[in-house]
Amino acid sequence: NANGKNKRTTFDLLSDFNKEISRKYDSLYEDFPLFGLKGVTKRSAFVIDKQGNIKYAEILDDPGKIPDFDKIKQTLEQCGK
């Protein structure tokens, strides 16, 4: 990763092949600024509690950055996970 530390996730990750969720969460580049690609999902992280409430959302416009995993972990802990 960007800071040279090796981190592993201990939570589920979503693959959004058809870009349905990306569109609903407004995290899609219709026209990706690099390489002339279309329909590329922005690097994003969401924590959704058991009631379906979004507790954390991070959508990155810079494709070279990664979500803040420490904040994600903190939010998960606050959700009682």
Protein backbone atom coordinates (compact mmCIF):
# COMPACT_ATOMS: atom_id res chain seq x y z
CA ASN A 1 0.00 0.00 0.00
CA ALA A 2 0.95 3.68 -0.17
CA ASN A 3 2.70 3.92 3.20
CA GLY A 4 4.69 0.71 2.81
CA LYS A 5 2.86 -1.22 5.53
CA ASN A 6 1.26 -4.54 4.78
CA LYS A 7 -2.37 -4.51 5.92
CA ARG A 8 -4.99 -7.20 5.61
CA THR A 9 -8.71 -6.71 5.68
CA THR A 10 -10.84 -8.70 8.09
CA PHE A 11 -14.15 -7.65 6.58
CA ASP A 12 -16.05 -8.38 3.39
CA LEU A 13 -15.29 -6.44 0.25
CA LEU A 14 -17.86 -5.77 -2.45
CA SER A 15 -17.20 -6.44 -6.10
CA ASP A 16 -19.49 -4.33 -8.26
CA PHE A 17 -18.92 -5.75 -11.73
CA ASN A 18 -22.06 -4.22 -13.24
CA LYS A 19 -21.51 -0.85 -11.49
CA GLU A 20 -25.03 -0.86 -9.99
CA ILE A 21 -23.86 0.03 -6.48
CA SER A 22 -21.28 2.52 -7.74
CA ARG A 23 -24.00 4.49 -9.48
CA LYS A 24 -26.32 4.38 -6.46
CA TYR A 25 -23.55 5.61 -4.15
CA ASP A 26 -22.31 8.25 -6.61
CA SER A 27 -18.85 6.71 -6.77
CA LEU A 28 -18.44 6.15 -10.49
CA TYR A 29 -16.31 7.89 -13.07
CA GLU A 30 -18.55 7.89 -16.13
CA ASP A 31 -15.40 8.97 -17.99
CA PHE A 32 -12.20 7.98 -16.17
CA PRO A 33 -9.67 10.81 -16.50
CA LEU A 34 -6.81 8.43 -17.35
CA PHE A 35 -6.55 5.97 -20.22
CA GLY A 36 -9.87 7.00 -21.82
CA LEU A 37 -11.87 4.37 -19.91
CA LYS A 38 -15.58 4.57 -19.17
CA GLY A 39 -17.51 3.30 -16.14
CA VAL A 40 -14.64 2.98 -13.66
CA THR A 41 -15.56 2.85 -9.97
CA LYS A 42 -13.77 5.31 -7.72
CA ARG A 43 -11.86 3.91 -4.76
CA SER A 44 -14.51 3.96 -2.09
CA ALA A 45 -15.29 2.61 1.35
CA PHE A 46 -18.63 2.40 3.09
CA VAL A 47 -19.57 0.98 6.47
CA ILE A 48 -23.25 0.08 6.67
CA ASP A 49 -24.70 -1.06 9.98
CA LYS A 50 -27.11 -3.94 10.49
CA GLN A 51 -30.06 -1.54 10.18
CA GLY A 52 -28.87 -0.40 6.75
CA ASN A 53 -27.58 3.02 7.88
CA ILE A 54 -24.41 4.36 6.34
CA LYS A 55 -22.02 4.97 9.24
CA TYR A 56 -18.94 5.80 7.18
CA ALA A 57 -18.45 6.88 3.58
CA GLU A 58 -15.26 7.77 1.78
CA ILE A 59 -15.14 8.31 -1.98
CA LEU A 60 -11.73 9.19 -3.36
CA ASP A 61 -11.38 11.25 -6.52
CA ASP A 62 -7.63 10.50 -6.66
CA PRO A 63 -7.18 6.93 -7.96
CA GLY A 64 -3.69 6.83 -6.45
CA LYS A 65 -5.02 7.01 -2.88
CA ILE A 66 -6.56 4.29 -0.73
CA PRO A 67 -9.36 4.55 1.83
CA ASP A 68 -8.45 5.24 5.46
CA PHE A 69 -8.52 1.73 6.91
CA ASP A 70 -7.94 3.01 10.45
CA LYS A 71 -11.13 5.10 10.27
CA ILE A 72 -12.99 2.14 8.80
CA LYS A 73 -11.80 -0.08 11.64
CA GLN A 74 -12.79 2.55 14.22
CA THR A 75 -16.27 2.84 12.68
CA LEU A 76 -16.70 -0.94 12.65
CA GLU A 77 -15.75 -1.07 16.32
CA GLN A 78 -18.31 1.64 17.10
CA CYS A 79 -20.94 -0.43 15.29
CA GLY A 80 -20.26 -3.30 17.67
CA LYS A 81 -18.60 -5.54 15.12
